[in-house]
Amino acid sequence: PDLKPGSLVINATGLGKDVPGSPLTDAAV
């Protein structure tokens, strides 16, 4: 919520590839 419009949000965790899941919940906006 504190990020400015046009920001770049990156999944650099390996979640979704090395192990299942996401670093965000489904409630994330």
Full PDB file with SEQRES, HELIX, SHEET, SSBOND, CRYST1, ORIGX, SCALE, CONECT and MASTER records, all heavy atoms in Angstrom:
SEQRES   1 A   29  PRO ASP LEU LYS PRO GLY SER LEU VAL ILE ASN ALA THR          
SEQRES   2 A   29  GLY LEU GLY LYS ASP VAL PRO GLY SER PRO LEU THR ASP          
SEQRES   3 A   29  ALA ALA VAL                                                  
CRYST1    1.000    1.000    1.000  90.00  90.00  90.00 P 1           1          
ORIGX1      1.000000  0.000000  0.000000        0.00000                         
ORIGX2      0.000000  1.000000  0.000000        0.00000                         
ORIGX3      0.000000  0.000000  1.000000        0.00000                         
SCALE1      1.000000  0.000000  0.000000        0.00000                         
SCALE2      0.000000  1.000000  0.000000        0.00000                         
SCALE3      0.000000  0.000000  1.000000        0.00000                         
ATOM      1  N   PRO A   1       0.794  -1.235   0.000  1.00  0.00           N  
ATOM      2  CA  PRO A   1       0.000   0.000   0.000  1.00  0.00           C  
ATOM      3  C   PRO A   1       0.822   1.280   0.000  1.00  0.00           C  
ATOM      4  O   PRO A   1       0.331   2.337  -0.417  1.00  0.00           O  
ATOM      5  CB  PRO A   1      -0.829  -0.121   1.287  1.00  0.00           C  
ATOM      6  CG  PRO A   1      -0.892  -1.578   1.588  1.00  0.00           C  
ATOM      7  CD  PRO A   1       0.427  -2.118   1.133  1.00  0.00           C  
ATOM      8  N   ASP A   2       2.063   1.217   0.466  1.00  0.00           N  
ATOM      9  CA  ASP A   2       2.892   2.416   0.536  1.00  0.00           C  
ATOM     10  C   ASP A   2       3.716   2.662  -0.733  1.00  0.00           C  
ATOM     11  O   ASP A   2       4.433   3.664  -0.816  1.00  0.00           O  
ATOM     12  CB  ASP A   2       3.843   2.324   1.735  1.00  0.00           C  
ATOM     13  CG  ASP A   2       3.098   2.378   3.064  1.00  0.00           C  
ATOM     14  OD1 ASP A   2       2.037   3.023   3.110  1.00  0.00           O  
ATOM     15  OD2 ASP A   2       3.575   1.769   4.038  1.00  0.00           O  
ATOM     16  N   LEU A   3       3.631   1.753  -1.698  1.00  0.00           N  
ATOM     17  CA  LEU A   3       4.390   1.922  -2.937  1.00  0.00           C  
ATOM     18  C   LEU A   3       3.676   2.896  -3.867  1.00  0.00           C  
ATOM     19  O   LEU A   3       2.447   2.933  -3.946  1.00  0.00           O  
ATOM     20  CB  LEU A   3       4.558   0.581  -3.650  1.00  0.00           C  
ATOM     21  CG  LEU A   3       5.392  -0.479  -2.932  1.00  0.00           C  
ATOM     22  CD1 LEU A   3       5.355  -1.787  -3.716  1.00  0.00           C  
ATOM     23  CD2 LEU A   3       6.830  -0.015  -2.738  1.00  0.00           C  
ATOM     24  N   LYS A   4       4.461   3.663  -4.609  1.00  0.00           N  
ATOM     25  CA  LYS A   4       3.901   4.632  -5.541  1.00  0.00           C  
ATOM     26  C   LYS A   4       3.344   3.937  -6.784  1.00  0.00           C  
ATOM     27  O   LYS A   4       3.778   2.834  -7.138  1.00  0.00           O  
ATOM     28  CB  LYS A   4       4.980   5.633  -5.957  1.00  0.00           C  
ATOM     29  CG  LYS A   4       5.488   6.507  -4.817  1.00  0.00           C  
ATOM     30  CD  LYS A   4       6.558   7.460  -5.303  1.00  0.00           C  
ATOM     31  CE  LYS A   4       7.059   8.355  -4.162  1.00  0.00           C  
ATOM     32  NZ  LYS A   4       8.118   9.286  -4.612  1.00  0.00           N  
ATOM     33  N   PRO A   5       2.394   4.571  -7.468  1.00  0.00           N  
ATOM     34  CA  PRO A   5       1.929   4.025  -8.744  1.00  0.00           C  
ATOM     35  C   PRO A   5       3.107   3.862  -9.712  1.00  0.00           C  
ATOM     36  O   PRO A   5       4.038   4.659  -9.707  1.00  0.00           O  
ATOM     37  CB  PRO A   5       0.948   5.088  -9.248  1.00  0.00           C  
ATOM     38  CG  PRO A   5       0.477   5.781  -8.008  1.00  0.00           C  
ATOM     39  CD  PRO A   5       1.656   5.785  -7.073  1.00  0.00           C  
ATOM     40  N   GLY A   6       3.048   2.812 -10.522  1.00  0.00           N  
ATOM     41  CA  GLY A   6       4.113   2.566 -11.483  1.00  0.00           C  
ATOM     42  C   GLY A   6       5.319   1.858 -10.912  1.00  0.00           C  
ATOM     43  O   GLY A   6       6.333   1.706 -11.600  1.00  0.00           O  
ATOM     44  N   SER A   7       5.225   1.400  -9.669  1.00  0.00           N  
ATOM     45  CA  SER A   7       6.360   0.719  -9.050  1.00  0.00           C  
ATOM     46  C   SER A   7       6.569  -0.669  -9.650  1.00  0.00           C  
ATOM     47  O   SER A   7       5.659  -1.250 -10.257  1.00  0.00           O  
ATOM     48  CB  SER A   7       6.158   0.604  -7.540  1.00  0.00           C  
ATOM     49  OG  SER A   7       6.258   1.872  -6.917  1.00  0.00           O  
ATOM     50  N   LEU A   8       7.780  -1.179  -9.469  1.00  0.00           N  
ATOM     51  CA  LEU A   8       8.148  -2.518  -9.921  1.00  0.00           C  
ATOM     52  C   LEU A   8       8.141  -3.450  -8.726  1.00  0.00           C  
ATOM     53  O   LEU A   8       8.857  -3.223  -7.748  1.00  0.00           O  
ATOM     54  CB  LEU A   8       9.539  -2.483 -10.561  1.00  0.00           C  
ATOM     55  CG  LEU A   8      10.184  -3.821 -10.953  1.00  0.00           C  
ATOM     56  CD1 LEU A   8       9.357  -4.542 -12.005  1.00  0.00           C  
ATOM     57  CD2 LEU A   8      11.615  -3.585 -11.463  1.00  0.00           C  
ATOM     58  N   VAL A   9       7.326  -4.505  -8.786  1.00  0.00           N  
ATOM     59  CA  VAL A   9       7.203  -5.480  -7.699  1.00  0.00           C  
ATOM     60  C   VAL A   9       7.736  -6.814  -8.213  1.00  0.00           C  
ATOM     61  O   VAL A   9       7.271  -7.325  -9.236  1.00  0.00           O  
ATOM     62  CB  VAL A   9       5.741  -5.627  -7.231  1.00  0.00           C  
ATOM     63  CG1 VAL A   9       5.645  -6.617  -6.069  1.00  0.00           C  
ATOM     64  CG2 VAL A   9       5.172  -4.270  -6.818  1.00  0.00           C  
ATOM     65  N   ILE A  10       8.711  -7.376  -7.499  1.00  0.00           N  
ATOM     66  CA  ILE A  10       9.468  -8.528  -8.008  1.00  0.00           C  
ATOM     67  C   ILE A  10       9.377  -9.703  -7.048  1.00  0.00           C  
ATOM     68  O   ILE A  10       9.604  -9.560  -5.847  1.00  0.00           O  
ATOM     69  CB  ILE A  10      10.957  -8.160  -8.190  1.00  0.00           C  
ATOM     70  CG1 ILE A  10      11.112  -6.907  -9.038  1.00  0.00           C  
ATOM     71  CG2 ILE A  10      11.723  -9.328  -8.799  1.00  0.00           C  
ATOM     72  CD1 ILE A  10      12.487  -6.268  -8.938  1.00  0.00           C  
ATOM     73  N   ASN A  11       9.059 -10.862  -7.586  1.00  0.00           N  
ATOM     74  CA  ASN A  11       9.205 -12.116  -6.827  1.00  0.00           C  
ATOM     75  C   ASN A  11      10.580 -12.685  -7.126  1.00  0.00           C  
ATOM     76  O   ASN A  11      10.810 -13.275  -8.179  1.00  0.00           O  
ATOM     77  CB  ASN A  11       8.130 -13.129  -7.215  1.00  0.00           C  
ATOM     78  CG  ASN A  11       8.349 -14.480  -6.532  1.00  0.00           C  
ATOM     79  OD1 ASN A  11       9.019 -14.570  -5.496  1.00  0.00           O  
ATOM     80  ND2 ASN A  11       7.794 -15.534  -7.103  1.00  0.00           N  
ATOM     81  N   ALA A  12      11.502 -12.500  -6.175  1.00  0.00           N  
ATOM     82  CA  ALA A  12      12.866 -13.015  -6.323  1.00  0.00           C  
ATOM     83  C   ALA A  12      13.141 -14.092  -5.283  1.00  0.00           C  
ATOM     84  O   ALA A  12      14.276 -14.275  -4.856  1.00  0.00           O  
ATOM     85  CB  ALA A  12      13.871 -11.874  -6.184  1.00  0.00           C  
ATOM     86  N   THR A  13      12.086 -14.804  -4.890  1.00  0.00           N  
ATOM     87  CA  THR A  13      12.211 -15.769  -3.795  1.00  0.00           C  
ATOM     88  C   THR A  13      12.439 -17.204  -4.254  1.00  0.00           C  
ATOM     89  O   THR A  13      12.916 -18.022  -3.485  1.00  0.00           O  
ATOM     90  CB  THR A  13      10.949 -15.766  -2.928  1.00  0.00           C  
ATOM     91  OG1 THR A  13       9.832 -16.246  -3.718  1.00  0.00           O  
ATOM     92  CG2 THR A  13      10.637 -14.378  -2.401  1.00  0.00           C  
ATOM     93  N   GLY A  14      12.057 -17.543  -5.483  1.00  0.00           N  
ATOM     94  CA  GLY A  14      12.047 -18.949  -5.899  1.00  0.00           C  
ATOM     95  C   GLY A  14      10.724 -19.629  -5.601  1.00  0.00           C  
ATOM     96  O   GLY A  14      10.464 -20.728  -6.103  1.00  0.00           O  
ATOM     97  N   LEU A  15       9.861 -18.983  -4.799  1.00  0.00           N  
ATOM     98  CA  LEU A  15       8.534 -19.552  -4.546  1.00  0.00           C  
ATOM     99  C   LEU A  15       7.742 -19.594  -5.853  1.00  0.00           C  
ATOM    100  O   LEU A  15       7.661 -18.602  -6.575  1.00  0.00           O  
ATOM    101  CB  LEU A  15       7.781 -18.715  -3.514  1.00  0.00           C  
ATOM    102  CG  LEU A  15       8.199 -18.892  -2.061  1.00  0.00           C  
ATOM    103  CD1 LEU A  15       7.522 -17.846  -1.175  1.00  0.00           C  
ATOM    104  CD2 LEU A  15       7.858 -20.295  -1.571  1.00  0.00           C  
ATOM    105  N   GLY A  16       7.166 -20.748  -6.133  1.00  0.00           N  
ATOM    106  CA  GLY A  16       6.481 -20.971  -7.391  1.00  0.00           C  
ATOM    107  C   GLY A  16       7.311 -21.819  -8.327  1.00  0.00           C  
ATOM    108  O   GLY A  16       6.790 -22.419  -9.261  1.00  0.00           O  
ATOM    109  N   LYS A  17       8.637 -21.888  -8.079  1.00  0.00           N  
ATOM    110  CA  LYS A  17       9.518 -22.728  -8.896  1.00  0.00           C  
ATOM    111  C   LYS A  17      10.170 -23.802  -8.037  1.00  0.00           C  
ATOM    112  O   LYS A  17       9.866 -24.975  -8.157  1.00  0.00           O  
ATOM    113  CB  LYS A  17      10.593 -21.881  -9.592  1.00  0.00           C  
ATOM    114  CG  LYS A  17      11.600 -22.706 -10.400  1.00  0.00           C  
ATOM    115  CD  LYS A  17      12.576 -21.819 -11.143  1.00  0.00           C  
ATOM    116  CE  LYS A  17      13.639 -21.212 -10.250  1.00  0.00           C  
ATOM    117  NZ  LYS A  17      14.667 -22.206  -9.836  1.00  0.00           N  
ATOM    118  N   ASP A  18      11.077 -23.391  -7.158  1.00  0.00           N  
ATOM    119  CA  ASP A  18      11.792 -24.365  -6.327  1.00  0.00           C  
ATOM    120  C   ASP A  18      10.863 -25.029  -5.318  1.00  0.00           C  
ATOM    121  O   ASP A  18      10.992 -26.209  -5.018  1.00  0.00           O  
ATOM    122  CB  ASP A  18      12.950 -23.684  -5.589  1.00  0.00           C  
ATOM    123  CG  ASP A  18      14.018 -23.179  -6.553  1.00  0.00           C  
ATOM    124  OD1 ASP A  18      14.127 -23.749  -7.659  1.00  0.00           O  
ATOM    125  OD2 ASP A  18      14.740 -22.231  -6.209  1.00  0.00           O  
ATOM    126  N   VAL A  19       9.959 -24.246  -4.765  1.00  0.00           N  
ATOM    127  CA  VAL A  19       8.936 -24.766  -3.842  1.00  0.00           C  
ATOM    128  C   VAL A  19       7.619 -24.076  -4.178  1.00  0.00           C  
ATOM    129  O   VAL A  19       7.613 -22.965  -4.711  1.00  0.00           O  
ATOM    130  CB  VAL A  19       9.311 -24.523  -2.360  1.00  0.00           C  
ATOM    131  CG1 VAL A  19      10.520 -25.351  -1.962  1.00  0.00           C  
ATOM    132  CG2 VAL A  19       9.575 -23.055  -2.091  1.00  0.00           C  
ATOM    133  N   PRO A  20       6.486 -24.721  -3.876  1.00  0.00           N  
ATOM    134  CA  PRO A  20       5.191 -24.132  -4.237  1.00  0.00           C  
ATOM    135  C   PRO A  20       4.901 -22.862  -3.449  1.00  0.00           C  
ATOM    136  O   PRO A  20       5.441 -22.637  -2.366  1.00  0.00           O  
ATOM    137  CB  PRO A  20       4.192 -25.245  -3.872  1.00  0.00           C  
ATOM    138  CG  PRO A  20       4.999 -26.486  -3.726  1.00  0.00           C  
ATOM    139  CD  PRO A  20       6.355 -26.055  -3.278  1.00  0.00           C  
ATOM    140  N   GLY A  21       4.015 -22.047  -4.009  1.00  0.00           N  
ATOM    141  CA  GLY A  21       3.513 -20.908  -3.266  1.00  0.00           C  
ATOM    142  C   GLY A  21       3.873 -19.567  -3.844  1.00  0.00           C  
ATOM    143  O   GLY A  21       4.416 -19.447  -4.945  1.00  0.00           O  
ATOM    144  N   SER A  22       3.572 -18.523  -3.068  1.00  0.00           N  
ATOM    145  CA  SER A  22       3.827 -17.135  -3.435  1.00  0.00           C  
ATOM    146  C   SER A  22       4.292 -16.391  -2.193  1.00  0.00           C  
ATOM    147  O   SER A  22       3.884 -16.728  -1.078  1.00  0.00           O  
ATOM    148  CB  SER A  22       2.558 -16.475  -3.981  1.00  0.00           C  
ATOM    149  OG  SER A  22       2.706 -15.062  -4.060  1.00  0.00           O  
ATOM    150  N   PRO A  23       5.101 -15.349  -2.360  1.00  0.00           N  
ATOM    151  CA  PRO A  23       5.490 -14.550  -1.196  1.00  0.00           C  
ATOM    152  C   PRO A  23       4.419 -13.563  -0.758  1.00  0.00           C  
ATOM    153  O   PRO A  23       4.631 -12.803   0.192  1.00  0.00           O  
ATOM    154  CB  PRO A  23       6.729 -13.816  -1.698  1.00  0.00           C  
ATOM    155  CG  PRO A  23       6.522 -13.684  -3.164  1.00  0.00           C  
ATOM    156  CD  PRO A  23       5.807 -14.940  -3.579  1.00  0.00           C  
ATOM    157  N   LEU A  24       3.275 -13.545  -1.452  1.00  0.00           N  
ATOM    158  CA  LEU A  24       2.139 -12.709  -1.085  1.00  0.00           C  
ATOM    159  C   LEU A  24       0.931 -13.577  -0.756  1.00  0.00           C  
ATOM    160  O   LEU A  24       0.822 -14.705  -1.240  1.00  0.00           O  
ATOM    161  CB  LEU A  24       1.769 -11.765  -2.232  1.00  0.00           C  
ATOM    162  CG  LEU A  24       2.825 -10.756  -2.704  1.00  0.00           C  
ATOM    163  CD1 LEU A  24       2.323 -10.029  -3.952  1.00  0.00           C  
ATOM    164  CD2 LEU A  24       3.179  -9.771  -1.608  1.00  0.00           C  
ATOM    165  N   THR A  25       0.009 -13.051   0.035  1.00  0.00           N  
ATOM    166  CA  THR A  25      -1.258 -13.741   0.239  1.00  0.00           C  
ATOM    167  C   THR A  25      -2.229 -13.312  -0.862  1.00  0.00           C  
ATOM    168  O   THR A  25      -1.988 -12.343  -1.597  1.00  0.00           O  
ATOM    169  CB  THR A  25      -1.880 -13.400   1.609  1.00  0.00           C  
ATOM    170  OG1 THR A  25      -2.431 -12.075   1.564  1.00  0.00           O  
ATOM    171  CG2 THR A  25      -0.835 -13.495   2.729  1.00  0.00           C  
ATOM    172  N   ASP A  26      -3.348 -13.998  -0.950  1.00  0.00           N  
ATOM    173  CA  ASP A  26      -4.350 -13.636  -1.956  1.00  0.00           C  
ATOM    174  C   ASP A  26      -5.039 -12.318  -1.635  1.00  0.00           C  
ATOM    175  O   ASP A  26      -5.764 -11.773  -2.470  1.00  0.00           O  
ATOM    176  CB  ASP A  26      -5.391 -14.750  -2.069  1.00  0.00           C  
ATOM    177  CG  ASP A  26      -4.843 -15.991  -2.759  1.00  0.00           C  
ATOM    178  OD1 ASP A  26      -3.827 -15.874  -3.475  1.00  0.00           O  
ATOM    179  OD2 ASP A  26      -5.421 -17.083  -2.566  1.00  0.00           O  
ATOM    180  N   ALA A  27      -4.812 -11.791  -0.434  1.00  0.00           N  
ATOM    181  CA  ALA A  27      -5.403 -10.507  -0.055  1.00  0.00           C  
ATOM    182  C   ALA A  27      -4.539  -9.328  -0.493  1.00  0.00           C  
ATOM    183  O   ALA A  27      -4.967  -8.172  -0.379  1.00  0.00           O  
ATOM    184  CB  ALA A  27      -5.609 -10.449   1.456  1.00  0.00           C  
ATOM    185  N   ALA A  28      -3.351  -9.581  -1.011  1.00  0.00           N  
ATOM    186  CA  ALA A  28      -2.444  -8.504  -1.408  1.00  0.00           C  
ATOM    187  C   ALA A  28      -3.037  -7.677  -2.543  1.00  0.00           C  
ATOM    188  O   ALA A  28      -3.676  -8.216  -3.448  1.00  0.00           O  
ATOM    189  CB  ALA A  28      -1.101  -9.085  -1.828  1.00  0.00           C  
ATOM    190  N   VAL A  29      -2.787  -6.362  -2.497  1.00  0.00           N  
ATOM    191  CA  VAL A  29      -3.261  -5.448  -3.548  1.00  0.00           C  
ATOM    192  C   VAL A  29      -2.058  -4.723  -4.130  1.00  0.00           C  
ATOM    193  O   VAL A  29      -1.340  -4.009  -3.426  1.00  0.00           O  
ATOM    194  CB  VAL A  29      -4.269  -4.425  -2.996  1.00  0.00           C  
ATOM    195  CG1 VAL A  29      -4.719  -3.473  -4.108  1.00  0.00           C  
ATOM    196  CG2 VAL A  29      -5.469  -5.136  -2.387  1.00  0.00           C  
TER     197      VAL A  29                                                      
MASTER        0    0    0    0    0    0    0    6  196    1    0    3          
END                                                                             
